[in-house]
All heavy atoms as atom14 arrays in JSON, in Angstrom:
{
  "sequence": "ALRAELDKANEEFAKLKDAYLRANADFENYKKRLEKDKQSAVL",
  "atom14_mask": [
    [1, 1, 1, 1, 1, 0, 0, 0, 0, 0, 0, 0, 0, 0],
    [1, 1, 1, 1, 1, 1, 1, 1, 0, 0, 0, 0, 0, 0],
    [1, 1, 1, 1, 1, 1, 1, 1, 1, 1, 1, 0, 0, 0],
    [1, 1, 1, 1, 1, 0, 0, 0, 0, 0, 0, 0, 0, 0],
    [1, 1, 1, 1, 1, 1, 1, 1, 1, 0, 0, 0, 0, 0],
    [1, 1, 1, 1, 1, 1, 1, 1, 0, 0, 0, 0, 0, 0],
    [1, 1, 1, 1, 1, 1, 1, 1, 0, 0, 0, 0, 0, 0],
    [1, 1, 1, 1, 1, 1, 1, 1, 1, 0, 0, 0, 0, 0],
    [1, 1, 1, 1, 1, 0, 0, 0, 0, 0, 0, 0, 0, 0],
    [1, 1, 1, 1, 1, 1, 1, 1, 0, 0, 0, 0, 0, 0],
    [1, 1, 1, 1, 1, 1, 1, 1, 1, 0, 0, 0, 0, 0],
    [1, 1, 1, 1, 1, 1, 1, 1, 1, 0, 0, 0, 0, 0],
    [1, 1, 1, 1, 1, 1, 1, 1, 1, 1, 1, 0, 0, 0],
    [1, 1, 1, 1, 1, 0, 0, 0, 0, 0, 0, 0, 0, 0],
    [1, 1, 1, 1, 1, 1, 1, 1, 1, 0, 0, 0, 0, 0],
    [1, 1, 1, 1, 1, 1, 1, 1, 0, 0, 0, 0, 0, 0],
    [1, 1, 1, 1, 1, 1, 1, 1, 1, 0, 0, 0, 0, 0],
    [1, 1, 1, 1, 1, 1, 1, 1, 0, 0, 0, 0, 0, 0],
    [1, 1, 1, 1, 1, 0, 0, 0, 0, 0, 0, 0, 0, 0],
    [1, 1, 1, 1, 1, 1, 1, 1, 1, 1, 1, 1, 0, 0],
    [1, 1, 1, 1, 1, 1, 1, 1, 0, 0, 0, 0, 0, 0],
    [1, 1, 1, 1, 1, 1, 1, 1, 1, 1, 1, 0, 0, 0],
    [1, 1, 1, 1, 1, 0, 0, 0, 0, 0, 0, 0, 0, 0],
    [1, 1, 1, 1, 1, 1, 1, 1, 0, 0, 0, 0, 0, 0],
    [1, 1, 1, 1, 1, 0, 0, 0, 0, 0, 0, 0, 0, 0],
    [1, 1, 1, 1, 1, 1, 1, 1, 0, 0, 0, 0, 0, 0],
    [1, 1, 1, 1, 1, 1, 1, 1, 1, 1, 1, 0, 0, 0],
    [1, 1, 1, 1, 1, 1, 1, 1, 1, 0, 0, 0, 0, 0],
    [1, 1, 1, 1, 1, 1, 1, 1, 0, 0, 0, 0, 0, 0],
    [1, 1, 1, 1, 1, 1, 1, 1, 1, 1, 1, 1, 0, 0],
    [1, 1, 1, 1, 1, 1, 1, 1, 1, 0, 0, 0, 0, 0],
    [1, 1, 1, 1, 1, 1, 1, 1, 1, 0, 0, 0, 0, 0],
    [1, 1, 1, 1, 1, 1, 1, 1, 1, 1, 1, 0, 0, 0],
    [1, 1, 1, 1, 1, 1, 1, 1, 0, 0, 0, 0, 0, 0],
    [1, 1, 1, 1, 1, 1, 1, 1, 1, 0, 0, 0, 0, 0],
    [1, 1, 1, 1, 1, 1, 1, 1, 1, 0, 0, 0, 0, 0],
    [1, 1, 1, 1, 1, 1, 1, 1, 0, 0, 0, 0, 0, 0],
    [1, 1, 1, 1, 1, 1, 1, 1, 1, 0, 0, 0, 0, 0],
    [1, 1, 1, 1, 1, 1, 1, 1, 1, 0, 0, 0, 0, 0],
    [1, 1, 1, 1, 1, 1, 0, 0, 0, 0, 0, 0, 0, 0],
    [1, 1, 1, 1, 1, 0, 0, 0, 0, 0, 0, 0, 0, 0],
    [1, 1, 1, 1, 1, 1, 1, 0, 0, 0, 0, 0, 0, 0],
    [1, 1, 1, 1, 1, 1, 1, 1, 0, 0, 0, 0, 0, 0]
  ],
  "atom14_positions": [
    [[141.24, 100.32, 124.19], [139.87, 100.64, 124.8], [139.06, 101.45, 123.83], [137.91, 101.27, 123.62], [140.02, 101.42, 126.11], [0.0, 0.0, 0.0], [0.0, 0.0, 0.0], [0.0, 0.0, 0.0], [0.0, 0.0, 0.0], [0.0, 0.0, 0.0], [0.0, 0.0, 0.0], [0.0, 0.0, 0.0], [0.0, 0.0, 0.0], [0.0, 0.0, 0.0]],
    [[139.77, 102.42, 123.14], [138.99, 103.26, 122.18], [138.54, 102.41, 120.92], [137.49, 102.62, 120.44], [139.96, 104.45, 121.69], [140.16, 105.54, 122.67], [141.26, 106.52, 122.11], [138.81, 106.25, 123.0], [0.0, 0.0, 0.0], [0.0, 0.0, 0.0], [0.0, 0.0, 0.0], [0.0, 0.0, 0.0], [0.0, 0.0, 0.0], [0.0, 0.0, 0.0]],
    [[139.41, 101.46, 120.57], [138.94, 100.52, 119.46], [137.84, 99.82, 119.81], [136.84, 99.5, 119.01], [140.14, 99.71, 118.93], [141.11, 100.4, 118.08], [142.07, 99.36, 117.48], [143.04, 100.12, 116.61], [143.89, 99.5, 115.97], [144.11, 98.14, 116.14], [144.77, 100.19, 115.23], [0.0, 0.0, 0.0], [0.0, 0.0, 0.0], [0.0, 0.0, 0.0]],
    [[137.81, 99.24, 121.02], [136.67, 98.36, 121.44], [135.42, 99.22, 121.6], [134.36, 98.84, 121.23], [136.99, 97.74, 122.9], [0.0, 0.0, 0.0], [0.0, 0.0, 0.0], [0.0, 0.0, 0.0], [0.0, 0.0, 0.0], [0.0, 0.0, 0.0], [0.0, 0.0, 0.0], [0.0, 0.0, 0.0], [0.0, 0.0, 0.0], [0.0, 0.0, 0.0]],
    [[135.58, 100.44, 122.13], [134.46, 101.38, 122.2], [133.9, 101.72, 120.77], [132.72, 101.8, 120.6], [134.91, 102.66, 122.92], [133.73, 103.49, 123.32], [134.19, 104.72, 124.24], [135.09, 104.52, 124.99], [133.75, 105.75, 123.96], [0.0, 0.0, 0.0], [0.0, 0.0, 0.0], [0.0, 0.0, 0.0], [0.0, 0.0, 0.0], [0.0, 0.0, 0.0]],
    [[134.89, 101.9, 119.81], [134.43, 102.16, 118.45], [133.69, 101.02, 117.86], [132.66, 101.17, 117.18], [135.59, 102.53, 117.65], [135.34, 102.86, 116.11], [134.48, 104.08, 116.0], [136.61, 103.06, 115.34], [0.0, 0.0, 0.0], [0.0, 0.0, 0.0], [0.0, 0.0, 0.0], [0.0, 0.0, 0.0], [0.0, 0.0, 0.0], [0.0, 0.0, 0.0]],
    [[134.15, 99.83, 118.07], [133.5, 98.69, 117.54], [132.08, 98.47, 118.16], [131.16, 98.21, 117.49], [134.28, 97.37, 117.9], [135.5, 97.29, 117.05], [135.57, 98.04, 116.02], [136.46, 96.47, 117.47], [0.0, 0.0, 0.0], [0.0, 0.0, 0.0], [0.0, 0.0, 0.0], [0.0, 0.0, 0.0], [0.0, 0.0, 0.0], [0.0, 0.0, 0.0]],
    [[131.98, 98.75, 119.47], [130.71, 98.75, 120.21], [129.79, 99.72, 119.6], [128.64, 99.51, 119.37], [130.86, 98.88, 121.7], [129.69, 98.71, 122.49], [129.94, 98.91, 123.93], [128.6, 98.65, 124.71], [128.94, 98.85, 126.18], [0.0, 0.0, 0.0], [0.0, 0.0, 0.0], [0.0, 0.0, 0.0], [0.0, 0.0, 0.0], [0.0, 0.0, 0.0]],
    [[130.33, 100.95, 119.33], [129.39, 101.98, 118.81], [128.96, 101.69, 117.35], [127.82, 102.05, 116.98], [130.24, 103.38, 118.75], [0.0, 0.0, 0.0], [0.0, 0.0, 0.0], [0.0, 0.0, 0.0], [0.0, 0.0, 0.0], [0.0, 0.0, 0.0], [0.0, 0.0, 0.0], [0.0, 0.0, 0.0], [0.0, 0.0, 0.0], [0.0, 0.0, 0.0]],
    [[129.9, 101.1, 116.59], [129.47, 100.67, 115.25], [128.42, 99.6, 115.26], [127.47, 99.65, 114.44], [130.73, 100.18, 114.49], [131.64, 101.22, 114.0], [131.15, 102.38, 113.84], [132.9, 100.99, 113.72], [0.0, 0.0, 0.0], [0.0, 0.0, 0.0], [0.0, 0.0, 0.0], [0.0, 0.0, 0.0], [0.0, 0.0, 0.0], [0.0, 0.0, 0.0]],
    [[128.51, 98.7, 116.22], [127.47, 97.63, 116.3], [126.19, 98.26, 116.76], [125.06, 97.93, 116.23], [127.86, 96.6, 117.38], [128.92, 95.62, 116.96], [129.29, 94.63, 118.07], [128.51, 94.45, 119.0], [130.44, 94.11, 117.98], [0.0, 0.0, 0.0], [0.0, 0.0, 0.0], [0.0, 0.0, 0.0], [0.0, 0.0, 0.0], [0.0, 0.0, 0.0]],
    [[126.18, 99.11, 117.71], [124.9, 99.9, 118.11], [124.37, 100.65, 116.98], [123.19, 100.69, 116.72], [125.35, 100.8, 119.26], [124.1, 101.58, 119.85], [123.14, 100.63, 120.57], [123.53, 99.53, 121.0], [122.01, 101.09, 120.77], [0.0, 0.0, 0.0], [0.0, 0.0, 0.0], [0.0, 0.0, 0.0], [0.0, 0.0, 0.0], [0.0, 0.0, 0.0]],
    [[125.23, 101.39, 116.15], [124.8, 102.17, 115.04], [124.03, 101.16, 114.03], [123.06, 101.53, 113.47], [125.92, 102.83, 114.34], [125.51, 103.43, 113.07], [124.83, 104.59, 112.97], [125.9, 102.9, 111.9], [124.49, 105.26, 111.89], [125.55, 103.47, 110.69], [124.87, 104.72, 110.57], [0.0, 0.0, 0.0], [0.0, 0.0, 0.0], [0.0, 0.0, 0.0]],
    [[124.65, 100.04, 113.79], [124.02, 99.09, 112.78], [122.66, 98.65, 113.27], [121.74, 98.45, 112.51], [125.01, 97.96, 112.57], [0.0, 0.0, 0.0], [0.0, 0.0, 0.0], [0.0, 0.0, 0.0], [0.0, 0.0, 0.0], [0.0, 0.0, 0.0], [0.0, 0.0, 0.0], [0.0, 0.0, 0.0], [0.0, 0.0, 0.0], [0.0, 0.0, 0.0]],
    [[122.52, 98.39, 114.59], [121.29, 97.96, 115.14], [120.21, 99.05, 115.09], [119.11, 98.8, 114.66], [121.45, 97.51, 116.69], [122.13, 96.19, 116.82], [122.24, 95.91, 118.3], [123.03, 94.69, 118.53], [123.26, 94.41, 120.03], [0.0, 0.0, 0.0], [0.0, 0.0, 0.0], [0.0, 0.0, 0.0], [0.0, 0.0, 0.0], [0.0, 0.0, 0.0]],
    [[120.63, 100.29, 115.35], [119.77, 101.4, 115.26], [119.41, 101.72, 113.85], [118.19, 102.07, 113.53], [120.4, 102.72, 115.91], [120.48, 102.65, 117.43], [121.2, 103.85, 118.0], [119.07, 102.44, 118.11], [0.0, 0.0, 0.0], [0.0, 0.0, 0.0], [0.0, 0.0, 0.0], [0.0, 0.0, 0.0], [0.0, 0.0, 0.0], [0.0, 0.0, 0.0]],
    [[120.27, 101.58, 112.89], [120.0, 101.85, 111.51], [118.98, 100.71, 111.01], [117.98, 101.09, 110.31], [121.28, 101.72, 110.7], [121.09, 102.02, 109.21], [122.31, 102.0, 108.44], [122.06, 102.12, 106.94], [123.37, 102.07, 106.2], [0.0, 0.0, 0.0], [0.0, 0.0, 0.0], [0.0, 0.0, 0.0], [0.0, 0.0, 0.0], [0.0, 0.0, 0.0]],
    [[119.12, 99.52, 111.38], [118.22, 98.46, 111.05], [116.89, 98.75, 111.59], [115.89, 98.58, 110.87], [118.78, 97.04, 111.53], [117.9, 95.97, 111.14], [117.63, 95.75, 109.88], [117.38, 95.23, 112.0], [0.0, 0.0, 0.0], [0.0, 0.0, 0.0], [0.0, 0.0, 0.0], [0.0, 0.0, 0.0], [0.0, 0.0, 0.0], [0.0, 0.0, 0.0]],
    [[116.77, 99.09, 112.86], [115.46, 99.38, 113.5], [114.82, 100.63, 112.72], [113.63, 100.61, 112.58], [115.66, 99.72, 114.97], [0.0, 0.0, 0.0], [0.0, 0.0, 0.0], [0.0, 0.0, 0.0], [0.0, 0.0, 0.0], [0.0, 0.0, 0.0], [0.0, 0.0, 0.0], [0.0, 0.0, 0.0], [0.0, 0.0, 0.0], [0.0, 0.0, 0.0]],
    [[115.65, 101.64, 112.41], [115.03, 102.76, 111.72], [114.54, 102.29, 110.36], [113.4, 102.72, 109.95], [116.14, 103.82, 111.53], [115.74, 104.83, 110.49], [114.85, 105.92, 110.81], [116.33, 104.87, 109.17], [114.5, 106.76, 109.85], [115.94, 105.74, 108.28], [115.04, 106.83, 108.62], [114.64, 107.63, 107.71], [0.0, 0.0, 0.0], [0.0, 0.0, 0.0]],
    [[115.32, 101.57, 109.63], [114.81, 101.13, 108.33], [113.53, 100.34, 108.34], [112.6, 100.45, 107.58], [115.93, 100.4, 107.55], [117.08, 101.15, 107.17], [118.26, 100.27, 106.6], [116.71, 102.3, 106.15], [0.0, 0.0, 0.0], [0.0, 0.0, 0.0], [0.0, 0.0, 0.0], [0.0, 0.0, 0.0], [0.0, 0.0, 0.0], [0.0, 0.0, 0.0]],
    [[113.5, 99.41, 109.34], [112.21, 98.63, 109.53], [111.04, 99.49, 109.91], [109.97, 99.34, 109.41], [112.46, 97.59, 110.6], [113.4, 96.48, 110.16], [113.65, 95.45, 111.25], [114.63, 94.46, 110.96], [114.36, 93.38, 110.28], [113.17, 93.11, 109.9], [115.42, 92.57, 110.03], [0.0, 0.0, 0.0], [0.0, 0.0, 0.0], [0.0, 0.0, 0.0]],
    [[111.29, 100.43, 110.81], [110.19, 101.32, 111.26], [109.72, 102.16, 110.13], [108.55, 102.4, 109.87], [110.6, 102.23, 112.4], [0.0, 0.0, 0.0], [0.0, 0.0, 0.0], [0.0, 0.0, 0.0], [0.0, 0.0, 0.0], [0.0, 0.0, 0.0], [0.0, 0.0, 0.0], [0.0, 0.0, 0.0], [0.0, 0.0, 0.0], [0.0, 0.0, 0.0]],
    [[110.66, 102.63, 109.26], [110.34, 103.48, 108.18], [109.55, 102.69, 107.07], [108.53, 103.1, 106.47], [111.59, 104.05, 107.47], [111.32, 105.13, 106.43], [110.42, 105.9, 106.67], [112.07, 105.18, 105.38], [0.0, 0.0, 0.0], [0.0, 0.0, 0.0], [0.0, 0.0, 0.0], [0.0, 0.0, 0.0], [0.0, 0.0, 0.0], [0.0, 0.0, 0.0]],
    [[109.94, 101.34, 106.77], [109.19, 100.49, 105.94], [107.78, 100.27, 106.44], [106.79, 100.26, 105.68], [110.02, 99.17, 105.74], [0.0, 0.0, 0.0], [0.0, 0.0, 0.0], [0.0, 0.0, 0.0], [0.0, 0.0, 0.0], [0.0, 0.0, 0.0], [0.0, 0.0, 0.0], [0.0, 0.0, 0.0], [0.0, 0.0, 0.0], [0.0, 0.0, 0.0]],
    [[107.69, 100.02, 107.76], [106.3, 99.77, 108.38], [105.45, 101.06, 108.19], [104.32, 100.94, 107.87], [106.46, 99.42, 109.89], [107.0, 98.06, 110.07], [106.92, 97.24, 109.18], [107.36, 97.73, 111.23], [0.0, 0.0, 0.0], [0.0, 0.0, 0.0], [0.0, 0.0, 0.0], [0.0, 0.0, 0.0], [0.0, 0.0, 0.0], [0.0, 0.0, 0.0]],
    [[106.07, 102.15, 108.35], [105.26, 103.43, 108.27], [104.84, 103.68, 106.79], [103.72, 104.11, 106.52], [106.05, 104.67, 108.62], [105.4, 105.96, 108.61], [104.25, 106.24, 109.37], [105.83, 106.86, 107.65], [103.64, 107.4, 109.21], [105.16, 108.08, 107.56], [103.99, 108.36, 108.29], [0.0, 0.0, 0.0], [0.0, 0.0, 0.0], [0.0, 0.0, 0.0]],
    [[105.7, 103.43, 105.79], [105.33, 103.47, 104.4], [104.27, 102.51, 104.07], [103.26, 102.86, 103.35], [106.62, 103.2, 103.56], [107.59, 104.3, 103.6], [107.05, 105.7, 103.08], [106.29, 105.69, 102.12], [107.4, 106.71, 103.68], [0.0, 0.0, 0.0], [0.0, 0.0, 0.0], [0.0, 0.0, 0.0], [0.0, 0.0, 0.0], [0.0, 0.0, 0.0]],
    [[104.31, 101.29, 104.59], [103.2, 100.25, 104.29], [101.93, 100.76, 104.96], [100.84, 100.68, 104.34], [103.63, 98.87, 104.87], [104.7, 98.29, 104.09], [104.88, 98.54, 102.84], [105.43, 97.34, 104.74], [0.0, 0.0, 0.0], [0.0, 0.0, 0.0], [0.0, 0.0, 0.0], [0.0, 0.0, 0.0], [0.0, 0.0, 0.0], [0.0, 0.0, 0.0]],
    [[102.01, 101.34, 106.1], [100.88, 101.92, 106.81], [100.19, 103.03, 105.95], [99.02, 103.07, 105.8], [101.14, 102.38, 108.19], [100.1, 103.12, 108.89], [99.0, 102.43, 109.4], [100.07, 104.54, 109.0], [97.94, 103.17, 110.0], [99.16, 105.25, 109.61], [98.02, 104.56, 110.05], [97.0, 105.27, 110.73], [0.0, 0.0, 0.0], [0.0, 0.0, 0.0]],
    [[101.09, 103.92, 105.45], [100.49, 105.0, 104.6], [99.8, 104.45, 103.34], [98.78, 105.0, 102.96], [101.71, 105.95, 104.13], [102.1, 106.91, 105.3], [103.17, 107.91, 104.96], [103.61, 108.05, 103.55], [104.68, 109.06, 103.36], [0.0, 0.0, 0.0], [0.0, 0.0, 0.0], [0.0, 0.0, 0.0], [0.0, 0.0, 0.0], [0.0, 0.0, 0.0]],
    [[100.42, 103.49, 102.72], [99.81, 102.85, 101.49], [98.46, 102.17, 101.84], [97.48, 102.4, 101.16], [100.8, 101.82, 100.89], [101.98, 102.45, 100.24], [102.92, 101.36, 99.74], [104.18, 101.97, 99.18], [105.19, 100.98, 98.86], [0.0, 0.0, 0.0], [0.0, 0.0, 0.0], [0.0, 0.0, 0.0], [0.0, 0.0, 0.0], [0.0, 0.0, 0.0]],
    [[98.43, 101.51, 102.92], [97.16, 100.86, 103.38], [96.16, 101.83, 103.66], [94.99, 101.73, 103.33], [97.49, 99.93, 104.5], [96.35, 98.95, 104.88], [96.79, 97.94, 106.01], [97.57, 98.51, 107.15], [98.79, 98.2, 107.35], [99.47, 97.56, 106.59], [99.39, 98.78, 108.47], [0.0, 0.0, 0.0], [0.0, 0.0, 0.0], [0.0, 0.0, 0.0]],
    [[96.54, 102.95, 104.31], [95.59, 104.03, 104.65], [95.08, 104.71, 103.44], [93.77, 104.91, 103.27], [96.26, 105.0, 105.53], [95.38, 106.01, 106.31], [94.42, 105.22, 107.24], [96.23, 106.96, 107.15], [0.0, 0.0, 0.0], [0.0, 0.0, 0.0], [0.0, 0.0, 0.0], [0.0, 0.0, 0.0], [0.0, 0.0, 0.0], [0.0, 0.0, 0.0]],
    [[95.99, 104.84, 102.45], [95.52, 105.5, 101.2], [94.59, 104.6, 100.44], [93.58, 105.04, 99.9], [96.74, 105.85, 100.37], [96.41, 106.59, 99.01], [95.83, 107.89, 99.26], [96.0, 108.55, 100.26], [95.01, 108.34, 98.36], [0.0, 0.0, 0.0], [0.0, 0.0, 0.0], [0.0, 0.0, 0.0], [0.0, 0.0, 0.0], [0.0, 0.0, 0.0]],
    [[94.82, 103.27, 100.45], [93.98, 102.4, 99.75], [92.61, 102.35, 100.5], [91.54, 102.3, 99.75], [94.59, 100.95, 99.84], [93.82, 99.94, 99.01], [94.58, 98.6, 99.2], [93.77, 97.45, 98.47], [94.45, 96.17, 98.6], [0.0, 0.0, 0.0], [0.0, 0.0, 0.0], [0.0, 0.0, 0.0], [0.0, 0.0, 0.0], [0.0, 0.0, 0.0]],
    [[92.55, 102.29, 101.79], [91.33, 102.31, 102.49], [90.54, 103.55, 102.28], [89.3, 103.56, 102.12], [91.61, 102.17, 104.05], [92.05, 100.81, 104.44], [92.0, 99.85, 103.51], [92.53, 100.66, 105.53], [0.0, 0.0, 0.0], [0.0, 0.0, 0.0], [0.0, 0.0, 0.0], [0.0, 0.0, 0.0], [0.0, 0.0, 0.0], [0.0, 0.0, 0.0]],
    [[91.28, 104.67, 102.18], [90.64, 105.97, 101.84], [89.96, 105.93, 100.43], [88.76, 106.38, 100.28], [91.62, 107.14, 101.9], [91.07, 108.52, 101.67], [92.21, 109.48, 101.71], [91.77, 110.83, 101.2], [92.82, 111.76, 101.02], [0.0, 0.0, 0.0], [0.0, 0.0, 0.0], [0.0, 0.0, 0.0], [0.0, 0.0, 0.0], [0.0, 0.0, 0.0]],
    [[90.74, 105.48, 99.46], [90.17, 105.37, 98.1], [88.88, 104.43, 98.1], [87.97, 104.7, 97.41], [91.27, 104.88, 97.16], [92.28, 105.89, 96.86], [93.4, 105.38, 95.98], [93.52, 104.16, 95.75], [94.32, 106.26, 95.6], [0.0, 0.0, 0.0], [0.0, 0.0, 0.0], [0.0, 0.0, 0.0], [0.0, 0.0, 0.0], [0.0, 0.0, 0.0]],
    [[89.02, 103.36, 98.75], [87.84, 102.42, 98.77], [86.69, 103.03, 99.45], [85.58, 102.89, 99.07], [88.33, 101.16, 99.57], [87.24, 100.33, 99.76], [0.0, 0.0, 0.0], [0.0, 0.0, 0.0], [0.0, 0.0, 0.0], [0.0, 0.0, 0.0], [0.0, 0.0, 0.0], [0.0, 0.0, 0.0], [0.0, 0.0, 0.0], [0.0, 0.0, 0.0]],
    [[86.86, 103.79, 100.57], [85.79, 104.48, 101.18], [85.14, 105.51, 100.3], [83.89, 105.6, 100.34], [86.31, 105.14, 102.57], [0.0, 0.0, 0.0], [0.0, 0.0, 0.0], [0.0, 0.0, 0.0], [0.0, 0.0, 0.0], [0.0, 0.0, 0.0], [0.0, 0.0, 0.0], [0.0, 0.0, 0.0], [0.0, 0.0, 0.0], [0.0, 0.0, 0.0]],
    [[85.91, 106.28, 99.59], [85.36, 107.24, 98.61], [84.66, 106.54, 97.46], [83.53, 106.95, 97.12], [86.48, 108.13, 98.04], [86.03, 108.94, 96.93], [86.99, 109.01, 99.2], [0.0, 0.0, 0.0], [0.0, 0.0, 0.0], [0.0, 0.0, 0.0], [0.0, 0.0, 0.0], [0.0, 0.0, 0.0], [0.0, 0.0, 0.0], [0.0, 0.0, 0.0]],
    [[85.27, 105.52, 97.01], [84.67, 104.72, 95.9], [83.33, 104.11, 96.25], [82.4, 104.08, 95.4], [85.6, 103.75, 95.39], [85.42, 102.96, 94.12], [85.5, 103.98, 93.02], [86.43, 101.88, 93.8], [0.0, 0.0, 0.0], [0.0, 0.0, 0.0], [0.0, 0.0, 0.0], [0.0, 0.0, 0.0], [0.0, 0.0, 0.0], [0.0, 0.0, 0.0]]
  ]
}
């Protein structure tokens, strides 16, 4: 039962890590786009 629970936790961890990495990449892209828009507005 503990092994099954560990496997399930590892799967959940992998899913959460993937979601975190995707959200972080989206946020970085958003920051870059915002900076580009800011530079364009100033220019």
